[in-house]
Amino acid sequence: MPITKRDYYEVLGVSKSASPEEVKSAYRKLAKKYHPDRNPDNRAEAEERFKEVSEAYEVLVDPNKRRMYDLGGYEAVSQQFGPGGFNFRRDFTHGDDITDIFGDLLRGFGGAGSSGGLFDFLFGGGRAQRHAQRGGDIRIRMRLSLEEIAEGVTKEVTFSRHEKCPECGGRGGTGSEVCPTCRGRGQVKRQTSSFFGQFVQVTTCPDCKGSGRRMRHACKKCGGTGRIRRNRTLKVRIPAGVSAGSYIPLHDEGHYASAGNGDVHIEIEEKGHPLFVRRGDDIIVEMPVSISRAVLGGEIEVPTLNGRKRIDLPAGIASGTVLRLRGVGIKHLNDRGRGDELVRIVIHVPKKLSGEEKRLWERLGEIQREPVPSAHRPK
């Protein structure tokens, strides 16, 4: 059954034509309004509302996600999130914007620029609950040609990540003891003040990583970290129709931690093409033709992403005319069909003529029956 969600534009209180600046301004106001510590009498509801507006912001401030949402709603954009839908800790990628909103209050709270640190800052205050940190995420940039984007492609990527130490099984050593830093709580507290009032922030203990215990004798292989660095190679299927800035999430393939692995995010970059310019799922190419071919018409051969294709050129075609080749562009992302190829005809006027060519053009000018139009107002 499809997941029913409130319209993202409605959540932020902006119109569908809202600019990125308007989206950011709306989120700034709502983020301050629903910060859990500003709602001490109703923290649970405030927390849910904060996550809801953050999810809407995550989609509407990102041009690619917003385009997908406008075309197909939540179902179209949900694949950008992990299993179970949007998860603030895992899927929120605009930590710098949160830092701008809450200023210095975020500094020093264990990686507040990441979604995990933000989660601790926003939802951990005053609650003595133990949680170990999830492993870090890994970002990989992948450059694709227009041909690869048009059809989709499977690529092999190799990256370095932290994995569980095989010698100690991720424990970090032997001789388990209560962590002296947090005294077994797995968390440490820090108190500060802001215009919201006084905050008591609870963050994961940096020494035991939230477990509440540490090893007396460190593992020699991993140095007590419980992790070793290894290379990993994966085959990644890139769907057709992706755009620059899109990313492919590989869940649980990131760095190891006791609470679970992080993710790998494949960020798409698009190589420039020597012939074609991309416009959405359409491609555009300029095709020069001779004056005689433009006047007489006939069959010409044009390049496409899948080889050359013969088309009929209408007689008397004007320079700048655009011919549309349907269905030979880029496959639509998450949809059937594909874009078109737009062939812009450019009449080539020769600049260097032989003596014979010059005489023939002069003779043609003498016998040409159709007069050249006089000056007229542009249409």
Protein backbone atom coordinates (compact mmCIF):
# COMPACT_ATOMS: atom_id res chain seq x y z
CA MET A 1 0.00 0.00 0.00
CA PRO A 2 1.46 3.44 -0.94
CA ILE A 3 2.57 5.62 1.95
CA THR A 4 0.29 8.63 2.48
CA LYS A 5 2.11 11.82 3.42
CA ARG A 6 1.22 15.47 3.67
CA ASP A 7 2.22 17.49 0.63
CA TYR A 8 5.74 18.83 1.17
CA TYR A 9 4.77 22.33 -0.01
CA GLU A 10 1.92 22.32 2.51
CA VAL A 11 4.26 21.15 5.29
CA LEU A 12 6.57 24.14 4.73
CA GLY A 13 3.74 26.52 3.91
CA VAL A 14 5.16 27.58 0.53
CA SER A 15 3.77 27.60 -3.00
CA LYS A 16 4.92 25.22 -5.74
CA SER A 17 6.65 28.14 -7.44
CA ALA A 18 8.61 29.06 -4.30
CA SER A 19 12.26 29.93 -4.88
CA PRO A 20 15.07 28.09 -3.01
CA GLU A 21 15.47 31.18 -0.82
CA GLU A 22 11.77 31.09 0.12
CA VAL A 23 12.02 27.37 0.93
CA LYS A 24 15.05 28.01 3.17
CA SER A 25 13.34 30.92 4.91
CA ALA A 26 10.23 28.83 5.65
CA TYR A 27 12.33 25.96 7.00
CA ARG A 28 14.38 28.30 9.19
CA LYS A 29 11.22 29.55 10.93
CA LEU A 30 9.72 26.09 11.39
CA ALA A 31 13.00 24.52 12.58
CA LYS A 32 13.21 27.08 15.37
CA LYS A 33 9.51 26.70 16.18
CA TYR A 34 9.63 22.91 16.53
CA HIS A 35 13.01 22.46 18.24
CA PRO A 36 12.18 19.93 21.00
CA ASP A 37 13.83 21.98 23.76
CA ARG A 38 11.63 24.92 22.86
CA ASN A 39 8.61 22.69 23.48
CA PRO A 40 9.35 21.07 26.86
CA ASP A 41 5.67 20.29 27.51
CA ASN A 42 5.20 18.49 24.22
CA ARG A 43 8.61 17.24 23.13
CA ALA A 44 7.38 14.12 21.32
CA GLU A 45 5.01 16.00 19.02
CA ALA A 46 7.58 18.76 18.41
CA GLU A 47 10.17 16.14 17.49
CA GLU A 48 7.82 14.57 14.92
CA ARG A 49 6.96 17.95 13.43
CA PHE A 50 10.67 18.86 13.24
CA LYS A 51 11.39 15.63 11.35
CA GLU A 52 8.42 16.26 9.03
CA VAL A 53 9.57 19.77 8.05
CA SER A 54 13.16 18.51 7.68
CA GLU A 55 12.00 15.79 5.28
CA ALA A 56 10.07 18.36 3.23
CA TYR A 57 13.11 20.64 3.20
CA GLU A 58 15.44 17.81 2.18
CA VAL A 59 13.32 17.28 -0.95
CA LEU A 60 12.29 20.82 -1.92
CA VAL A 61 15.71 22.47 -1.50
CA ASP A 62 17.38 19.86 -3.73
CA PRO A 63 16.67 20.60 -7.44
CA ASN A 64 16.82 16.96 -8.51
CA LYS A 65 14.64 15.60 -5.69
CA ARG A 66 12.19 18.47 -6.15
CA ARG A 67 11.86 17.73 -9.88
CA MET A 68 11.19 14.05 -9.13
CA TYR A 69 8.62 14.99 -6.46
CA ASP A 70 6.82 17.44 -8.76
CA LEU A 71 6.59 14.78 -11.47
CA GLY A 72 5.61 11.74 -9.41
CA GLY A 73 4.94 12.72 -5.81
CA TYR A 74 6.34 10.91 -2.78
CA GLU A 75 6.58 7.53 -4.53
CA ALA A 76 8.92 9.03 -7.12
CA VAL A 77 11.30 10.51 -4.55
CA SER A 78 11.11 7.82 -1.85
CA GLN A 79 13.88 5.77 -3.48
CA GLN A 80 16.31 8.52 -2.53
CA PHE A 81 15.80 7.47 1.12
CA GLY A 82 16.61 4.21 2.84
CA PRO A 83 14.27 1.37 3.84
CA GLY A 84 11.25 2.61 5.76
CA GLY A 85 11.35 6.08 4.22
CA PHE A 86 13.03 9.27 5.41
CA ASN A 87 15.23 8.89 8.48
CA PHE A 88 16.66 12.14 9.85
CA ARG A 89 19.88 10.54 11.13
CA ARG A 90 20.54 8.77 7.83
CA ASP A 91 18.95 10.87 5.08
CA PHE A 92 19.19 14.53 6.11
CA THR A 93 22.06 16.04 4.09
CA HIS A 94 21.82 19.74 4.98
CA GLY A 95 23.55 19.85 8.34
CA ASP A 96 25.26 23.14 7.45
CA ASP A 97 21.85 24.79 7.18
CA ILE A 98 20.97 23.60 10.70
CA THR A 99 24.28 25.02 11.91
CA ASP A 100 23.37 28.37 10.35
CA ILE A 101 20.01 28.32 12.14
CA PHE A 102 21.24 27.42 15.63
CA GLY A 103 24.67 29.05 15.38
CA ASP A 104 27.33 28.46 18.02
CA LEU A 105 24.99 26.32 20.07
CA LEU A 106 25.84 23.40 17.79
CA ARG A 107 29.58 23.74 17.98
CA GLY A 108 31.37 21.10 20.00
CA PHE A 109 28.53 18.56 19.99
CA GLY A 110 30.31 15.70 18.30
CA GLY A 111 30.03 16.32 14.57
CA ALA A 112 26.95 18.50 14.56
CA GLY A 113 27.42 19.06 10.86
CA SER A 114 26.49 15.42 10.25
CA SER A 115 23.00 14.02 10.57
CA GLY A 116 24.10 11.78 13.45
CA GLY A 117 25.50 14.70 15.49
CA LEU A 118 22.44 16.76 14.66
CA PHE A 119 20.19 13.96 15.85
CA ASP A 120 21.98 13.97 19.22
CA PHE A 121 21.76 17.75 19.46
CA LEU A 122 18.11 17.98 18.51
CA PHE A 123 16.58 14.94 20.15
CA GLY A 124 19.03 13.75 22.80
CA GLY A 125 18.83 16.59 25.33
CA GLY A 126 17.94 15.52 28.88
CA ARG A 127 17.14 11.90 28.06
CA ALA A 128 19.42 9.33 29.65
CA GLN A 129 19.27 6.71 26.94
CA ARG A 130 22.25 4.78 25.67
CA HIS A 131 22.96 4.38 22.00
CA ALA A 132 26.08 3.47 20.14
CA GLN A 133 26.97 5.41 17.04
CA ARG A 134 26.32 4.07 13.59
CA GLY A 135 29.27 3.87 11.21
CA GLY A 136 30.14 6.85 9.04
CA ASP A 137 28.90 7.34 5.50
CA ILE A 138 31.14 7.37 2.42
CA ARG A 139 30.61 9.62 -0.60
CA ILE A 140 31.91 8.65 -4.03
CA ARG A 141 31.69 10.84 -7.12
CA MET A 142 31.02 8.98 -10.36
CA ARG A 143 31.43 10.67 -13.75
CA LEU A 144 29.17 9.32 -16.49
CA SER A 145 29.02 9.95 -20.22
CA LEU A 146 25.78 11.04 -21.87
CA GLU A 147 25.57 7.64 -23.55
CA GLU A 148 25.76 5.88 -20.16
CA ILE A 149 23.12 8.18 -18.70
CA ALA A 150 20.82 7.66 -21.68
CA GLU A 151 20.71 3.85 -21.33
CA GLY A 152 21.75 3.17 -17.74
CA VAL A 153 24.96 1.38 -16.88
CA THR A 154 26.57 -0.97 -14.36
CA LYS A 155 29.81 0.39 -12.91
CA GLU A 156 32.40 -1.12 -10.61
CA VAL A 157 33.58 1.04 -7.72
CA THR A 158 36.43 0.39 -5.31
CA PHE A 159 36.69 2.32 -2.06
CA SER A 160 38.34 2.09 1.34
CA ARG A 161 36.23 1.58 4.47
CA HIS A 162 36.55 0.57 8.13
CA GLU A 163 35.52 -3.04 8.73
CA LYS A 164 35.13 -5.14 11.87
CA CYS A 165 38.48 -6.32 13.17
CA PRO A 166 38.73 -10.11 12.61
CA GLU A 167 41.08 -10.59 15.57
CA CYS A 168 38.93 -9.09 18.33
CA GLY A 169 35.54 -9.33 16.61
CA GLY A 170 35.09 -5.57 16.85
CA ARG A 171 35.47 -5.47 20.65
CA GLY A 172 38.80 -3.62 20.52
CA GLY A 173 40.66 -5.98 22.87
CA THR A 174 40.20 -8.01 26.07
CA GLY A 175 39.44 -7.26 29.70
CA SER A 176 36.19 -5.36 29.54
CA GLU A 177 35.75 -2.64 32.18
CA VAL A 178 33.34 0.21 32.90
CA CYS A 179 34.28 3.32 30.92
CA PRO A 180 35.65 5.90 33.39
CA THR A 181 34.67 8.85 31.17
CA CYS A 182 30.91 8.22 31.19
CA ARG A 183 30.87 5.80 34.18
CA GLY A 184 29.08 3.17 32.14
CA ARG A 185 26.26 5.39 30.90
CA GLY A 186 27.48 5.51 27.32
CA GLN A 187 26.76 9.22 27.18
CA VAL A 188 28.19 12.48 28.45
CA LYS A 189 26.31 15.69 29.20
CA ARG A 190 27.13 19.25 28.36
CA GLN A 191 25.20 22.32 29.45
CA THR A 192 24.95 25.61 27.56
CA SER A 193 22.62 28.56 27.11
CA SER A 194 21.02 30.24 24.10
CA PHE A 195 18.12 32.54 23.28
CA PHE A 196 15.90 29.44 23.67
CA GLY A 197 16.96 29.05 27.24
CA GLN A 198 19.26 26.55 28.93
CA PHE A 199 20.15 23.33 27.12
CA VAL A 200 21.42 20.08 28.56
CA GLN A 201 22.82 18.11 25.65
CA VAL A 202 23.48 14.40 25.87
CA THR A 203 26.02 13.06 23.39
CA THR A 204 27.65 9.71 22.80
CA CYS A 205 30.71 9.11 24.96
CA PRO A 206 33.82 9.68 22.80
CA ASP A 207 35.87 7.03 24.65
CA CYS A 208 33.53 4.01 24.62
CA LYS A 209 31.45 5.09 21.58
CA GLY A 210 28.24 4.63 23.54
CA SER A 211 28.80 1.08 24.82
CA GLY A 212 29.51 2.09 28.42
CA ARG A 213 32.54 -0.19 28.57
CA ARG A 214 36.07 -0.24 27.22
CA MET A 215 38.82 -2.82 26.89
CA ARG A 216 41.71 -2.92 29.37
CA HIS A 217 44.06 -4.62 26.87
CA ALA A 218 43.88 -3.17 23.36
CA CYS A 219 43.88 -5.46 20.33
CA LYS A 220 47.26 -5.32 18.57
CA LYS A 221 45.77 -5.66 15.09
CA CYS A 222 43.33 -2.74 15.30
CA GLY A 223 44.96 -0.75 18.11
CA GLY A 224 41.85 -0.98 20.27
CA THR A 225 39.48 0.63 17.76
CA GLY A 226 37.73 -2.62 16.84
CA ARG A 227 38.09 -1.68 13.16
CA ILE A 228 40.59 -2.13 10.37
CA ARG A 229 40.69 -0.41 6.98
CA ARG A 230 40.16 -2.50 3.86
CA ASN A 231 39.30 -1.93 0.22
CA ARG A 232 35.88 -3.04 -1.01
CA THR A 233 34.71 -3.40 -4.62
CA LEU A 234 31.04 -3.29 -5.60
CA LYS A 235 29.07 -3.35 -8.83
CA VAL A 236 26.57 -0.51 -8.92
CA ARG A 237 23.61 -0.31 -11.27
CA ILE A 238 23.00 3.29 -12.36
CA PRO A 239 19.49 3.76 -13.78
CA ALA A 240 18.97 5.67 -17.03
CA GLY A 241 17.96 9.31 -16.78
CA VAL A 242 19.95 10.36 -13.71
CA SER A 243 21.20 13.95 -13.54
CA ALA A 244 24.26 15.68 -12.14
CA GLY A 245 23.75 15.93 -8.38
CA SER A 246 21.65 12.75 -8.13
CA TYR A 247 22.96 10.11 -5.78
CA ILE A 248 22.58 6.35 -5.51
CA PRO A 249 22.46 5.13 -1.89
CA LEU A 250 24.13 1.81 -1.03
CA HIS A 251 22.78 1.06 2.40
CA ASP A 252 25.01 -0.53 5.07
CA GLU A 253 28.08 -0.50 2.81
CA GLY A 254 29.83 2.32 4.67
CA HIS A 255 32.14 2.28 7.68
CA TYR A 256 31.62 -0.35 10.38
CA ALA A 257 30.44 0.49 13.90
CA SER A 258 28.83 -1.59 16.62
CA ALA A 259 25.42 -0.02 15.95
CA GLY A 260 25.58 -0.86 12.25
CA ASN A 261 27.39 0.16 9.11
CA GLY A 262 26.97 3.55 7.49
CA ASP A 263 25.95 3.99 3.87
CA VAL A 264 27.74 4.70 0.62
CA HIS A 265 26.37 7.54 -1.49
CA ILE A 266 27.29 7.51 -5.19
CA GLU A 267 27.04 11.12 -6.39
CA ILE A 268 26.52 11.49 -10.13
CA GLU A 269 28.58 13.85 -12.26
CA GLU A 270 27.89 14.30 -15.97
CA LYS A 271 30.68 14.53 -18.54
CA GLY A 272 30.37 17.13 -21.27
CA HIS A 273 29.60 15.67 -24.72
CA PRO A 274 31.46 16.73 -27.89
CA LEU A 275 28.25 16.87 -29.98
CA PHE A 276 25.14 17.00 -27.83
CA VAL A 277 23.76 19.37 -25.23
CA ARG A 278 21.32 17.88 -22.72
CA ARG A 279 18.02 19.58 -21.86
CA GLY A 280 16.09 17.41 -19.44
CA ASP A 281 15.74 14.08 -21.23
CA ASP A 282 16.08 15.68 -24.67
CA ILE A 283 19.36 16.17 -26.50
CA ILE A 284 20.19 18.97 -28.94
CA VAL A 285 22.62 18.96 -31.86
CA GLU A 286 23.35 21.52 -34.59
CA MET A 287 23.43 20.10 -38.15
CA PRO A 288 25.04 22.22 -40.87
CA VAL A 289 23.69 21.69 -44.42
CA SER A 290 24.70 23.21 -47.73
CA ILE A 291 22.63 25.93 -49.37
CA SER A 292 21.73 23.61 -52.24
CA ARG A 293 20.56 20.89 -49.83
CA ALA A 294 18.47 23.42 -47.91
CA VAL A 295 16.86 24.65 -51.11
CA LEU A 296 16.26 21.27 -52.73
CA GLY A 297 15.66 19.16 -49.64
CA GLY A 298 16.40 15.45 -49.56
CA GLU A 299 17.82 12.86 -47.25
CA ILE A 300 20.58 13.72 -44.77
CA GLU A 301 22.39 11.70 -42.11
CA VAL A 302 22.42 13.00 -38.52
CA PRO A 303 24.26 11.68 -35.44
CA THR A 304 22.37 10.18 -32.50
CA LEU A 305 23.52 8.62 -29.22
CA ASN A 306 23.16 5.20 -30.89
CA GLY A 307 24.83 5.79 -34.23
CA ARG A 308 23.75 7.76 -37.27
CA LYS A 309 20.21 8.07 -38.58
CA ARG A 310 18.90 9.15 -42.01
CA ILE A 311 16.09 11.71 -42.06
CA ASP A 312 14.23 13.67 -44.77
CA LEU A 313 15.02 17.35 -45.01
CA PRO A 314 12.06 19.41 -46.33
CA ALA A 315 12.81 21.54 -49.42
CA GLY A 316 13.24 25.24 -48.70
CA ILE A 317 14.07 24.78 -45.02
CA ALA A 318 15.24 27.92 -43.21
CA SER A 319 18.36 28.15 -41.09
CA GLY A 320 17.49 27.71 -37.41
CA THR A 321 14.62 25.31 -38.05
CA VAL A 322 14.47 22.55 -35.44
CA LEU A 323 13.55 19.01 -36.45
CA ARG A 324 12.42 16.63 -33.71
CA LEU A 325 13.42 12.98 -33.72
CA ARG A 326 11.06 11.37 -31.25
CA GLY A 327 12.20 8.70 -28.82
CA VAL A 328 15.94 8.80 -29.51
CA GLY A 329 16.95 10.90 -26.49
CA ILE A 330 17.53 9.84 -22.87
CA LYS A 331 15.40 7.23 -21.13
CA HIS A 332 13.09 8.70 -18.50
CA LEU A 333 14.10 8.10 -14.89
CA ASN A 334 11.62 5.72 -13.20
CA ASP A 335 9.24 5.88 -16.15
CA ARG A 336 8.66 4.38 -19.57
CA GLY A 337 9.67 6.09 -22.75
CA ARG A 338 12.49 8.45 -23.48
CA GLY A 339 13.19 11.99 -24.60
CA ASP A 340 13.72 13.30 -28.12
CA GLU A 341 16.61 14.56 -30.20
CA LEU A 342 16.30 18.13 -31.46
CA VAL A 343 18.23 18.76 -34.68
CA ARG A 344 18.81 22.46 -35.29
CA ILE A 345 19.46 23.09 -38.99
CA VAL A 346 22.21 25.60 -39.76
CA ILE A 347 22.71 26.58 -43.41
CA HIS A 348 26.39 26.66 -44.24
CA VAL A 349 27.44 29.63 -46.41
CA PRO A 350 30.80 28.94 -48.09
CA LYS A 351 33.42 31.63 -47.57
CA LYS A 352 36.04 30.48 -50.09
CA LEU A 353 34.89 29.98 -53.70
CA SER A 354 36.79 28.78 -56.73
CA GLY A 355 36.53 30.80 -59.95
CA GLU A 356 34.03 28.36 -61.43
CA GLU A 357 31.91 28.35 -58.25
CA LYS A 358 31.83 32.13 -58.23
CA ARG A 359 30.69 32.27 -61.89
CA LEU A 360 27.94 29.70 -61.18
CA TRP A 361 26.65 31.66 -58.17
CA GLU A 362 26.64 34.87 -60.25
CA ARG A 363 24.71 33.13 -63.01
CA LEU A 364 22.27 31.68 -60.46
CA GLY A 365 21.69 35.19 -59.10
CA GLU A 366 20.86 36.39 -62.59
CA ILE A 367 18.31 33.69 -63.36
CA GLN A 368 16.77 33.34 -59.88
CA ARG A 369 13.05 34.08 -60.25
CA GLU A 370 12.02 34.44 -56.59
CA PRO A 371 12.99 37.89 -55.33
CA VAL A 372 14.72 38.37 -52.01
CA PRO A 373 12.23 39.87 -49.50
CA SER A 374 12.73 43.47 -48.46
CA ALA A 375 13.52 44.55 -44.91
CA HIS A 376 10.73 43.84 -42.44
CA ARG A 377 9.94 43.99 -38.76
CA PRO A 378 11.11 40.93 -36.75
CA LYS A 379 8.29 38.56 -35.75
